[in-house]
Amino acid sequence: MNIGIVGLGLMGGSLALSLQKLPFVTSVVGSDHNLEHQKIALARGLVHAIVPFEMLKERCDVIFFAVPVDGVIRLLNQCTDLAGSDKTLIDLGSTKAVIVQAIPESIRKNFVAAHPMTGTEQFGPNAAVEGLYTEKVVVMCDLEHSGEIQRLIALRLFRAINMQIHTMAANQHDRHAAFISHMPHVISYALANTVLAQEEKENILTLAAGGFRSMSRLAQSSPSMWEDIFRQNRENVLEAVELFERELATLKKALLAEDYTSLHHEMKNANKLHEIFS
C-alpha cells in the first residue's frame, strides 16, 4: 500500500512516522506547500519523498489530508478526477460538518471523514513525534456515505497504529468537540491575555506553577489554525462558551455573597467529572 500525506506538520508528520512502521505499507510520500517544512520532513525522515500533489494523487492508494479544513475542501475539489477509482481519501480536520457538506458528490465514496483526538500545542514538522496516535481516540463520521473498500482501508490503518475507533454523525462530532477541545482553547487564550494585560505580569508569572501552566498551555497553539476552527464551528463554540459563562457566573455569585457553602457544593459537583474518566 502506497500512502500520501498532504501537510507535514505535527499531525501529518507524526502520522507518517507511525505508518512507515506498518509491514503492509510500501511507501509514505508527502506534499507540503511550505518549502522549509519539506526540507525538515526529509531531514527527519518523516516521509520517503516529497512530491507535487498531482503526482501524489497518481501514485498513492491512500491520501491523508493533514491541513486546515479550508485547505482540505480546496484539495478535495481537485480530486474529482479520482471518481470511479478505489483510492481512499481521509481527512484529519478538527471540524467535520463543513467538510462532509463540501465534498464533491462524484468522489463521496472515496472519502472518509476522521478526526484523531490527539495533538499538542506545538506545530510544524519539528513537532512530529512517534506514538502521537497510539491508544488515542479517532472519530470517524458519516461512514455510511463512504465506500465499503474505503471504510475497510481506513479502519485497517487506524487499528494498525493502535487507535481507539468511535463513530458518529459529523454534526454530533462538532458539538462534542466544541465542549472538550474548542472551548478549552478559548478559555486558555482568554486566561493568557488576562495575565498579559496586568502591569506586573512578569512578577505574576514568576509564581506560575503547575495549575496555571496546564491551563495556559493551549494558548501556545497556532492562531491561524484555531481561527479557522472557531470560524467553522462558530455556533457550537458559542453555545459551549455561553454555558461555561453560566457556570463561571454561579461561582462568582457565591464569592460575591460570601456563600462558601454553595461554592463548596459547586466544587464538589465538579469533582464528579474525574469519576467518569477513572
C-alpha atoms as a PDB file:
ATOM      1  CA  MET A   1       0.000   0.000   0.000  1.00  0.00           C
ATOM      2  CA  ASN A   2       1.386   3.409  -1.014  1.00  0.00           C
ATOM      3  CA  ILE A   3       0.320   6.273   1.216  1.00  0.00           C
ATOM      4  CA  GLY A   4       0.422  10.015   0.633  1.00  0.00           C
ATOM      5  CA  ILE A   5       0.168  12.689   3.319  1.00  0.00           C
ATOM      6  CA  VAL A   6      -0.680  16.278   2.462  1.00  0.00           C
ATOM      7  CA  GLY A   7       0.561  18.582   5.211  1.00  0.00           C
ATOM      8  CA  LEU A   8       3.694  17.575   7.118  1.00  0.00           C
ATOM      9  CA  GLY A   9       3.211  19.380  10.412  1.00  0.00           C
ATOM     10  CA  LEU A  10       2.546  17.858  13.831  1.00  0.00           C
ATOM     11  CA  MET A  11      -0.388  15.694  12.735  1.00  0.00           C
ATOM     12  CA  GLY A  12       0.795  14.698   9.260  1.00  0.00           C
ATOM     13  CA  GLY A  13       4.418  14.196  10.277  1.00  0.00           C
ATOM     14  CA  SER A  14       3.549  12.105  13.330  1.00  0.00           C
ATOM     15  CA  LEU A  15       1.155  10.008  11.258  1.00  0.00           C
ATOM     16  CA  ALA A  16       3.890   9.412   8.683  1.00  0.00           C
ATOM     17  CA  LEU A  17       6.222   8.102  11.379  1.00  0.00           C
ATOM     18  CA  SER A  18       3.580   5.616  12.550  1.00  0.00           C
ATOM     19  CA  LEU A  19       2.558   4.457   9.077  1.00  0.00           C
ATOM     20  CA  GLN A  20       6.140   3.788   7.988  1.00  0.00           C
ATOM     21  CA  LYS A  21       6.371   1.050  10.617  1.00  0.00           C
ATOM     22  CA  LEU A  22       3.453  -0.955   9.208  1.00  0.00           C
ATOM     23  CA  PRO A  23       4.549  -4.073   7.290  1.00  0.00           C
ATOM     24  CA  PHE A  24       1.909  -3.668   4.604  1.00  0.00           C
ATOM     25  CA  VAL A  25       2.860  -0.053   3.814  1.00  0.00           C
ATOM     26  CA  THR A  26       5.301   0.134   0.897  1.00  0.00           C
ATOM     27  CA  SER A  27       5.954   3.866   0.891  1.00  0.00           C
ATOM     28  CA  VAL A  28       4.880   7.101   2.569  1.00  0.00           C
ATOM     29  CA  VAL A  29       5.292  10.224   0.462  1.00  0.00           C
ATOM     30  CA  GLY A  30       4.404  13.770   1.374  1.00  0.00           C
ATOM     31  CA  SER A  31       3.277  17.045  -0.114  1.00  0.00           C
ATOM     32  CA  ASP A  32       3.502  20.443   1.567  1.00  0.00           C
ATOM     33  CA  HIS A  33       3.384  23.954   0.125  1.00  0.00           C
ATOM     34  CA  ASN A  34       5.931  25.172   2.706  1.00  0.00           C
ATOM     35  CA  LEU A  35       9.464  24.671   1.369  1.00  0.00           C
ATOM     36  CA  GLU A  36      11.000  24.782   4.850  1.00  0.00           C
ATOM     37  CA  HIS A  37       8.572  22.098   6.007  1.00  0.00           C
ATOM     38  CA  GLN A  38       9.605  19.964   3.048  1.00  0.00           C
ATOM     39  CA  LYS A  39      13.300  20.235   3.986  1.00  0.00           C
ATOM     40  CA  ILE A  40      12.667  19.417   7.646  1.00  0.00           C
ATOM     41  CA  ALA A  41      10.377  16.484   6.807  1.00  0.00           C
ATOM     42  CA  LEU A  42      13.009  14.937   4.562  1.00  0.00           C
ATOM     43  CA  ALA A  43      15.854  15.622   7.003  1.00  0.00           C
ATOM     44  CA  ARG A  44      13.898  13.980   9.821  1.00  0.00           C
ATOM     45  CA  GLY A  45      12.825  11.039   7.685  1.00  0.00           C
ATOM     46  CA  LEU A  46       9.132  11.729   8.160  1.00  0.00           C
ATOM     47  CA  VAL A  47       8.445  10.644   4.575  1.00  0.00           C
ATOM     48  CA  HIS A  48      10.347   8.764   1.905  1.00  0.00           C
ATOM     49  CA  ALA A  49       9.925  11.544  -0.654  1.00  0.00           C
ATOM     50  CA  ILE A  50       8.258  14.903  -1.304  1.00  0.00           C
ATOM     51  CA  VAL A  51       6.186  15.082  -4.470  1.00  0.00           C
ATOM     52  CA  PRO A  52       3.733  17.572  -6.034  1.00  0.00           C
ATOM     53  CA  PHE A  53       0.104  16.982  -5.131  1.00  0.00           C
ATOM     54  CA  GLU A  54      -0.845  15.845  -8.639  1.00  0.00           C
ATOM     55  CA  MET A  55       1.891  13.199  -8.592  1.00  0.00           C
ATOM     56  CA  LEU A  56       0.898  12.142  -5.079  1.00  0.00           C
ATOM     57  CA  LYS A  57      -2.672  11.595  -6.271  1.00  0.00           C
ATOM     58  CA  GLU A  58      -1.456   9.410  -9.092  1.00  0.00           C
ATOM     59  CA  ARG A  59       0.914   7.127  -7.204  1.00  0.00           C
ATOM     60  CA  CYS A  60      -0.827   6.706  -3.815  1.00  0.00           C
ATOM     61  CA  ASP A  61      -3.582   4.277  -2.862  1.00  0.00           C
ATOM     62  CA  VAL A  62      -4.484   6.261   0.255  1.00  0.00           C
ATOM     63  CA  ILE A  63      -4.212  10.030   0.739  1.00  0.00           C
ATOM     64  CA  PHE A  64      -4.416  11.695   4.166  1.00  0.00           C
ATOM     65  CA  PHE A  65      -5.197  15.408   4.359  1.00  0.00           C
ATOM     66  CA  ALA A  66      -3.478  16.855   7.441  1.00  0.00           C
ATOM     67  CA  VAL A  67      -4.103  20.516   6.647  1.00  0.00           C
ATOM     68  CA  PRO A  68      -6.619  23.104   7.925  1.00  0.00           C
ATOM     69  CA  VAL A  69     -10.248  22.499   6.957  1.00  0.00           C
ATOM     70  CA  ASP A  70     -10.324  25.187   4.244  1.00  0.00           C
ATOM     71  CA  GLY A  71      -7.307  23.512   2.658  1.00  0.00           C
ATOM     72  CA  VAL A  72      -8.974  20.099   2.847  1.00  0.00           C
ATOM     73  CA  ILE A  73     -12.015  21.409   0.979  1.00  0.00           C
ATOM     74  CA  ARG A  74      -9.872  23.092  -1.673  1.00  0.00           C
ATOM     75  CA  LEU A  75      -7.805  19.946  -2.252  1.00  0.00           C
ATOM     76  CA  LEU A  76     -10.799  17.624  -2.344  1.00  0.00           C
ATOM     77  CA  ASN A  77     -12.212  19.731  -5.133  1.00  0.00           C
ATOM     78  CA  GLN A  78      -9.003  18.987  -7.040  1.00  0.00           C
ATOM     79  CA  CYS A  79      -9.617  15.238  -6.667  1.00  0.00           C
ATOM     80  CA  THR A  80     -12.697  14.826  -8.846  1.00  0.00           C
ATOM     81  CA  ASP A  81     -10.506  13.082 -11.436  1.00  0.00           C
ATOM     82  CA  LEU A  82     -10.290  10.175  -8.946  1.00  0.00           C
ATOM     83  CA  ALA A  83     -14.027   9.450  -9.289  1.00  0.00           C
ATOM     84  CA  GLY A  84     -14.655   5.788 -10.014  1.00  0.00           C
ATOM     85  CA  SER A  85     -11.282   4.690  -8.634  1.00  0.00           C
ATOM     86  CA  ASP A  86     -10.675   2.656  -5.458  1.00  0.00           C
ATOM     87  CA  LYS A  87      -8.448   5.340  -3.941  1.00  0.00           C
ATOM     88  CA  THR A  88      -9.150   6.317  -0.345  1.00  0.00           C
ATOM     89  CA  LEU A  89      -9.162   9.958   0.774  1.00  0.00           C
ATOM     90  CA  ILE A  90      -9.054  10.561   4.535  1.00  0.00           C
ATOM     91  CA  ASP A  91      -9.120  13.960   6.204  1.00  0.00           C
ATOM     92  CA  LEU A  92      -7.952  14.673   9.761  1.00  0.00           C
ATOM     93  CA  GLY A  93      -9.743  18.007  10.248  1.00  0.00           C
ATOM     94  CA  SER A  94     -10.894  19.268  13.646  1.00  0.00           C
ATOM     95  CA  THR A  95     -14.386  20.053  12.348  1.00  0.00           C
ATOM     96  CA  LYS A  96     -16.327  17.638  10.198  1.00  0.00           C
ATOM     97  CA  ALA A  97     -19.716  19.043   9.118  1.00  0.00           C
ATOM     98  CA  VAL A  98     -18.259  21.737   6.860  1.00  0.00           C
ATOM     99  CA  ILE A  99     -16.093  19.164   5.090  1.00  0.00           C
ATOM    100  CA  VAL A 100     -18.727  16.482   4.525  1.00  0.00           C
ATOM    101  CA  GLN A 101     -21.112  19.114   3.163  1.00  0.00           C
ATOM    102  CA  ALA A 102     -18.476  20.362   0.711  1.00  0.00           C
ATOM    103  CA  ILE A 103     -17.166  17.038  -0.622  1.00  0.00           C
ATOM    104  CA  PRO A 104     -17.884  16.683  -4.360  1.00  0.00           C
ATOM    105  CA  GLU A 105     -20.566  14.033  -4.844  1.00  0.00           C
ATOM    106  CA  SER A 106     -18.544  12.259  -7.544  1.00  0.00           C
ATOM    107  CA  ILE A 107     -15.863  11.261  -5.006  1.00  0.00           C
ATOM    108  CA  ARG A 108     -18.027  10.931  -1.884  1.00  0.00           C
ATOM    109  CA  LYS A 109     -17.497   7.161  -1.771  1.00  0.00           C
ATOM    110  CA  ASN A 110     -13.732   7.678  -1.914  1.00  0.00           C
ATOM    111  CA  PHE A 111     -13.837   9.904   1.156  1.00  0.00           C
ATOM    112  CA  VAL A 112     -13.634   9.070   4.872  1.00  0.00           C
ATOM    113  CA  ALA A 113     -14.101  11.852   7.437  1.00  0.00           C
ATOM    114  CA  ALA A 114     -11.936  11.300  10.508  1.00  0.00           C
ATOM    115  CA  HIS A 115     -10.692  13.279  13.495  1.00  0.00           C
ATOM    116  CA  PRO A 116      -7.896  11.824  15.632  1.00  0.00           C
ATOM    117  CA  MET A 117      -8.374  13.223  19.136  1.00  0.00           C
ATOM    118  CA  THR A 118      -4.711  13.852  19.768  1.00  0.00           C
ATOM    119  CA  GLY A 119      -2.131  16.592  19.361  1.00  0.00           C
ATOM    120  CA  THR A 120      -0.014  19.053  21.283  1.00  0.00           C
ATOM    121  CA  GLU A 121       0.248  22.831  21.420  1.00  0.00           C
ATOM    122  CA  GLN A 122       3.293  22.604  19.127  1.00  0.00           C
ATOM    123  CA  PHE A 123       3.054  22.746  15.335  1.00  0.00           C
ATOM    124  CA  GLY A 124       5.193  22.231  12.249  1.00  0.00           C
ATOM    125  CA  PRO A 125       7.303  19.211  11.196  1.00  0.00           C
ATOM    126  CA  ASN A 126       9.741  19.656  14.080  1.00  0.00           C
ATOM    127  CA  ALA A 127       6.818  18.922  16.424  1.00  0.00           C
ATOM    128  CA  ALA A 128       6.177  15.485  14.846  1.00  0.00           C
ATOM    129  CA  VAL A 129       6.681  12.640  17.329  1.00  0.00           C
ATOM    130  CA  GLU A 130       6.375   8.880  17.274  1.00  0.00           C
ATOM    131  CA  GLY A 131       3.435   7.443  19.171  1.00  0.00           C
ATOM    132  CA  LEU A 132       1.232  10.551  18.956  1.00  0.00           C
ATOM    133  CA  TYR A 133      -1.681   8.405  17.749  1.00  0.00           C
ATOM    134  CA  THR A 134      -1.109   5.323  19.922  1.00  0.00           C
ATOM    135  CA  GLU A 135      -4.102   4.481  22.136  1.00  0.00           C
ATOM    136  CA  LYS A 136      -5.826   7.743  21.204  1.00  0.00           C
ATOM    137  CA  VAL A 137      -9.430   8.043  20.023  1.00  0.00           C
ATOM    138  CA  VAL A 138     -10.216   8.611  16.358  1.00  0.00           C
ATOM    139  CA  VAL A 139     -13.758   9.675  15.489  1.00  0.00           C
ATOM    140  CA  MET A 140     -14.986   8.519  12.088  1.00  0.00           C
ATOM    141  CA  CYS A 141     -18.033  10.397  10.828  1.00  0.00           C
ATOM    142  CA  ASP A 142     -20.878   9.548   8.452  1.00  0.00           C
ATOM    143  CA  LEU A 143     -19.250   6.252   7.471  1.00  0.00           C
ATOM    144  CA  GLU A 144     -22.427   5.087   5.750  1.00  0.00           C
ATOM    145  CA  HIS A 145     -21.640   7.532   2.918  1.00  0.00           C
ATOM    146  CA  SER A 146     -18.127   6.141   2.334  1.00  0.00           C
ATOM    147  CA  GLY A 147     -17.497   3.216   0.008  1.00  0.00           C
ATOM    148  CA  GLU A 148     -17.028  -0.252   1.520  1.00  0.00           C
ATOM    149  CA  ILE A 149     -13.421  -0.517   0.341  1.00  0.00           C
ATOM    150  CA  GLN A 150     -12.611   2.932   1.722  1.00  0.00           C
ATOM    151  CA  ARG A 151     -14.227   2.158   5.084  1.00  0.00           C
ATOM    152  CA  LEU A 152     -12.268  -1.066   5.432  1.00  0.00           C
ATOM    153  CA  ILE A 153      -8.964   0.554   4.475  1.00  0.00           C
ATOM    154  CA  ALA A 154      -9.422   3.462   6.905  1.00  0.00           C
ATOM    155  CA  LEU A 155     -10.380   1.088   9.717  1.00  0.00           C
ATOM    156  CA  ARG A 156      -7.406  -1.156   8.960  1.00  0.00           C
ATOM    157  CA  LEU A 157      -4.954   1.756   9.063  1.00  0.00           C
ATOM    158  CA  PHE A 158      -6.277   3.320  12.261  1.00  0.00           C
ATOM    159  CA  ARG A 159      -6.370  -0.051  14.005  1.00  0.00           C
ATOM    160  CA  ALA A 160      -2.850  -0.846  12.804  1.00  0.00           C
ATOM    161  CA  ILE A 161      -1.488   2.277  14.533  1.00  0.00           C
ATOM    162  CA  ASN A 162      -3.405   1.291  17.691  1.00  0.00           C
ATOM    163  CA  MET A 163      -6.144   3.891  17.729  1.00  0.00           C
ATOM    164  CA  GLN A 164      -9.492   3.543  19.501  1.00  0.00           C
ATOM    165  CA  ILE A 165     -12.256   3.923  16.931  1.00  0.00           C
ATOM    166  CA  HIS A 166     -15.562   5.693  17.580  1.00  0.00           C
ATOM    167  CA  THR A 167     -18.207   6.559  15.012  1.00  0.00           C
ATOM    168  CA  MET A 168     -20.825   9.310  14.975  1.00  0.00           C
ATOM    169  CA  ALA A 169     -22.520  11.855  12.749  1.00  0.00           C
ATOM    170  CA  ALA A 170     -20.489  14.877  11.662  1.00  0.00           C
ATOM    171  CA  ASN A 171     -22.838  17.374  13.352  1.00  0.00           C
ATOM    172  CA  GLN A 172     -22.719  15.379  16.571  1.00  0.00           C
ATOM    173  CA  HIS A 173     -18.922  15.323  16.458  1.00  0.00           C
ATOM    174  CA  ASP A 174     -18.692  19.088  16.002  1.00  0.00           C
ATOM    175  CA  ARG A 175     -20.916  19.810  19.007  1.00  0.00           C
ATOM    176  CA  HIS A 176     -18.992  17.400  21.234  1.00  0.00           C
ATOM    177  CA  ALA A 177     -15.640  18.759  20.039  1.00  0.00           C
ATOM    178  CA  ALA A 178     -16.756  22.289  20.932  1.00  0.00           C
ATOM    179  CA  PHE A 179     -17.000  21.265  24.589  1.00  0.00           C
ATOM    180  CA  ILE A 180     -13.920  19.093  25.013  1.00  0.00           C
ATOM    181  CA  SER A 181     -11.480  20.744  22.580  1.00  0.00           C
ATOM    182  CA  HIS A 182     -12.580  24.057  21.126  1.00  0.00           C
ATOM    183  CA  MET A 183     -13.953  25.770  24.249  1.00  0.00           C
ATOM    184  CA  PRO A 184     -10.843  24.873  26.326  1.00  0.00           C
ATOM    185  CA  HIS A 185      -8.746  26.673  23.725  1.00  0.00           C
ATOM    186  CA  VAL A 186     -10.957  29.774  24.002  1.00  0.00           C
ATOM    187  CA  ILE A 187     -10.538  29.715  27.784  1.00  0.00           C
ATOM    188  CA  SER A 188      -6.768  29.220  27.561  1.00  0.00           C
ATOM    189  CA  TYR A 189      -6.347  32.163  25.178  1.00  0.00           C
ATOM    190  CA  ALA A 190      -8.515  34.330  27.468  1.00  0.00           C
ATOM    191  CA  LEU A 191      -6.566  33.278  30.561  1.00  0.00           C
ATOM    192  CA  ALA A 192      -3.242  34.111  28.929  1.00  0.00           C
ATOM    193  CA  ASN A 193      -4.486  37.517  27.774  1.00  0.00           C
ATOM    194  CA  THR A 194      -5.888  38.293  31.239  1.00  0.00           C
ATOM    195  CA  VAL A 195      -2.444  37.872  32.790  1.00  0.00           C
ATOM    196  CA  LEU A 196      -0.650  39.623  29.926  1.00  0.00           C
ATOM    197  CA  ALA A 197      -2.894  42.671  30.446  1.00  0.00           C
ATOM    198  CA  GLN A 198      -1.648  43.166  34.012  1.00  0.00           C
ATOM    199  CA  GLU A 199       1.026  45.790  34.704  1.00  0.00           C
ATOM    200  CA  GLU A 200       3.086  43.373  36.811  1.00  0.00           C
ATOM    201  CA  LYS A 201       2.689  40.377  34.527  1.00  0.00           C
ATOM    202  CA  GLU A 202       6.348  39.353  34.896  1.00  0.00           C
ATOM    203  CA  ASN A 203       6.030  39.234  38.680  1.00  0.00           C
ATOM    204  CA  ILE A 204       2.746  37.334  38.411  1.00  0.00           C
ATOM    205  CA  LEU A 205       4.304  34.767  36.105  1.00  0.00           C
ATOM    206  CA  THR A 206       7.198  34.117  38.487  1.00  0.00           C
ATOM    207  CA  LEU A 207       4.575  32.468  40.709  1.00  0.00           C
ATOM    208  CA  ALA A 208       3.201  30.312  37.889  1.00  0.00           C
ATOM    209  CA  ALA A 209       3.137  26.654  38.871  1.00  0.00           C
ATOM    210  CA  GLY A 210       1.513  23.516  37.506  1.00  0.00           C
ATOM    211  CA  GLY A 211      -2.073  24.738  37.548  1.00  0.00           C
ATOM    212  CA  PHE A 212      -1.500  27.905  35.545  1.00  0.00           C
ATOM    213  CA  ARG A 213       0.919  26.218  33.168  1.00  0.00           C
ATOM    214  CA  SER A 214      -1.558  23.418  32.479  1.00  0.00           C
ATOM    215  CA  MET A 215      -4.446  25.791  31.852  1.00  0.00           C
ATOM    216  CA  SER A 216      -2.460  28.229  29.711  1.00  0.00           C
ATOM    217  CA  ARG A 217      -0.595  25.577  27.669  1.00  0.00           C
ATOM    218  CA  LEU A 218      -3.196  25.588  24.890  1.00  0.00           C
ATOM    219  CA  ALA A 219      -2.633  29.332  24.363  1.00  0.00           C
ATOM    220  CA  GLN A 220       0.595  28.365  22.567  1.00  0.00           C
ATOM    221  CA  SER A 221      -1.448  26.754  19.771  1.00  0.00           C
ATOM    222  CA  SER A 222      -1.355  28.140  16.233  1.00  0.00           C
ATOM    223  CA  PRO A 223      -3.643  31.217  15.963  1.00  0.00           C
ATOM    224  CA  SER A 224      -4.111  30.640  12.224  1.00  0.00           C
ATOM    225  CA  MET A 225      -5.310  27.075  12.703  1.00  0.00           C
ATOM    226  CA  TRP A 226      -7.596  27.910  15.606  1.00  0.00           C
ATOM    227  CA  GLU A 227      -9.086  30.952  13.901  1.00  0.00           C
ATOM    228  CA  ASP A 228     -10.243  28.566  11.175  1.00  0.00           C
ATOM    229  CA  ILE A 229     -11.643  26.078  13.689  1.00  0.00           C
ATOM    230  CA  PHE A 230     -13.552  28.751  15.625  1.00  0.00           C
ATOM    231  CA  ARG A 231     -14.999  30.115  12.382  1.00  0.00           C
ATOM    232  CA  GLN A 232     -16.036  26.720  11.046  1.00  0.00           C
ATOM    233  CA  ASN A 233     -17.604  25.586  14.326  1.00  0.00           C
ATOM    234  CA  ARG A 234     -18.762  29.023  15.457  1.00  0.00           C
ATOM    235  CA  GLU A 235     -22.290  28.165  16.602  1.00  0.00           C
ATOM    236  CA  ASN A 236     -21.247  25.156  18.667  1.00  0.00           C
ATOM    237  CA  VAL A 237     -18.308  27.031  20.207  1.00  0.00           C
ATOM    238  CA  LEU A 238     -20.572  29.952  21.122  1.00  0.00           C
ATOM    239  CA  GLU A 239     -23.032  27.580  22.802  1.00  0.00           C
ATOM    240  CA  ALA A 240     -20.234  25.941  24.798  1.00  0.00           C
ATOM    241  CA  VAL A 241     -18.750  29.305  25.834  1.00  0.00           C
ATOM    242  CA  GLU A 242     -22.155  30.642  26.912  1.00  0.00           C
ATOM    243  CA  LEU A 243     -22.795  27.569  29.060  1.00  0.00           C
ATOM    244  CA  PHE A 244     -19.320  27.942  30.565  1.00  0.00           C
ATOM    245  CA  GLU A 245     -20.068  31.604  31.334  1.00  0.00           C
ATOM    246  CA  ARG A 246     -23.179  30.500  33.277  1.00  0.00           C
ATOM    247  CA  GLU A 247     -21.113  28.153  35.424  1.00  0.00           C
ATOM    248  CA  LEU A 248     -18.466  30.840  35.958  1.00  0.00           C
ATOM    249  CA  ALA A 249     -21.203  33.317  36.956  1.00  0.00           C
ATOM    250  CA  THR A 250     -22.521  30.829  39.531  1.00  0.00           C
ATOM    251  CA  LEU A 251     -19.105  30.628  41.183  1.00  0.00           C
ATOM    252  CA  LYS A 252     -18.693  34.413  41.008  1.00  0.00           C
ATOM    253  CA  LYS A 253     -22.115  34.931  42.612  1.00  0.00           C
ATOM    254  CA  ALA A 254     -21.214  32.626  45.509  1.00  0.00           C
ATOM    255  CA  LEU A 255     -17.942  34.521  46.042  1.00  0.00           C
ATOM    256  CA  LEU A 256     -19.669  37.910  45.939  1.00  0.00           C
ATOM    257  CA  ALA A 257     -22.211  36.750  48.504  1.00  0.00           C
ATOM    258  CA  GLU A 258     -19.507  35.052  50.619  1.00  0.00           C
ATOM    259  CA  ASP A 259     -21.641  31.940  50.261  1.00  0.00           C
ATOM    260  CA  TYR A 260     -18.902  29.395  50.744  1.00  0.00           C
ATOM    261  CA  THR A 261     -21.352  26.566  51.298  1.00  0.00           C
ATOM    262  CA  SER A 262     -22.666  26.973  47.749  1.00  0.00           C
ATOM    263  CA  LEU A 263     -19.134  27.428  46.471  1.00  0.00           C
ATOM    264  CA  HIS A 264     -18.087  24.172  48.134  1.00  0.00           C
ATOM    265  CA  HIS A 265     -21.137  22.404  46.643  1.00  0.00           C
ATOM    266  CA  GLU A 266     -20.219  23.581  43.116  1.00  0.00           C
ATOM    267  CA  MET A 267     -16.625  22.413  43.500  1.00  0.00           C
ATOM    268  CA  LYS A 268     -17.733  19.087  44.955  1.00  0.00           C
ATOM    269  CA  ASN A 269     -20.035  18.561  41.992  1.00  0.00           C
ATOM    270  CA  ALA A 270     -17.145  19.322  39.600  1.00  0.00           C
ATOM    271  CA  ASN A 271     -15.111  16.552  41.270  1.00  0.00           C
ATOM    272  CA  LYS A 272     -17.536  14.042  39.715  1.00  0.00           C
ATOM    273  CA  LEU A 273     -16.035  14.660  36.263  1.00  0.00           C
ATOM    274  CA  HIS A 274     -12.981  12.558  37.011  1.00  0.00           C
ATOM    275  CA  GLU A 275     -15.115   9.705  38.316  1.00  0.00           C
ATOM    276  CA  ILE A 276     -16.249   9.330  34.681  1.00  0.00           C
ATOM    277  CA  PHE A 277     -12.626   9.210  33.449  1.00  0.00           C
ATOM    278  CA  SER A 278     -11.497   6.663  36.016  1.00  0.00           C
END
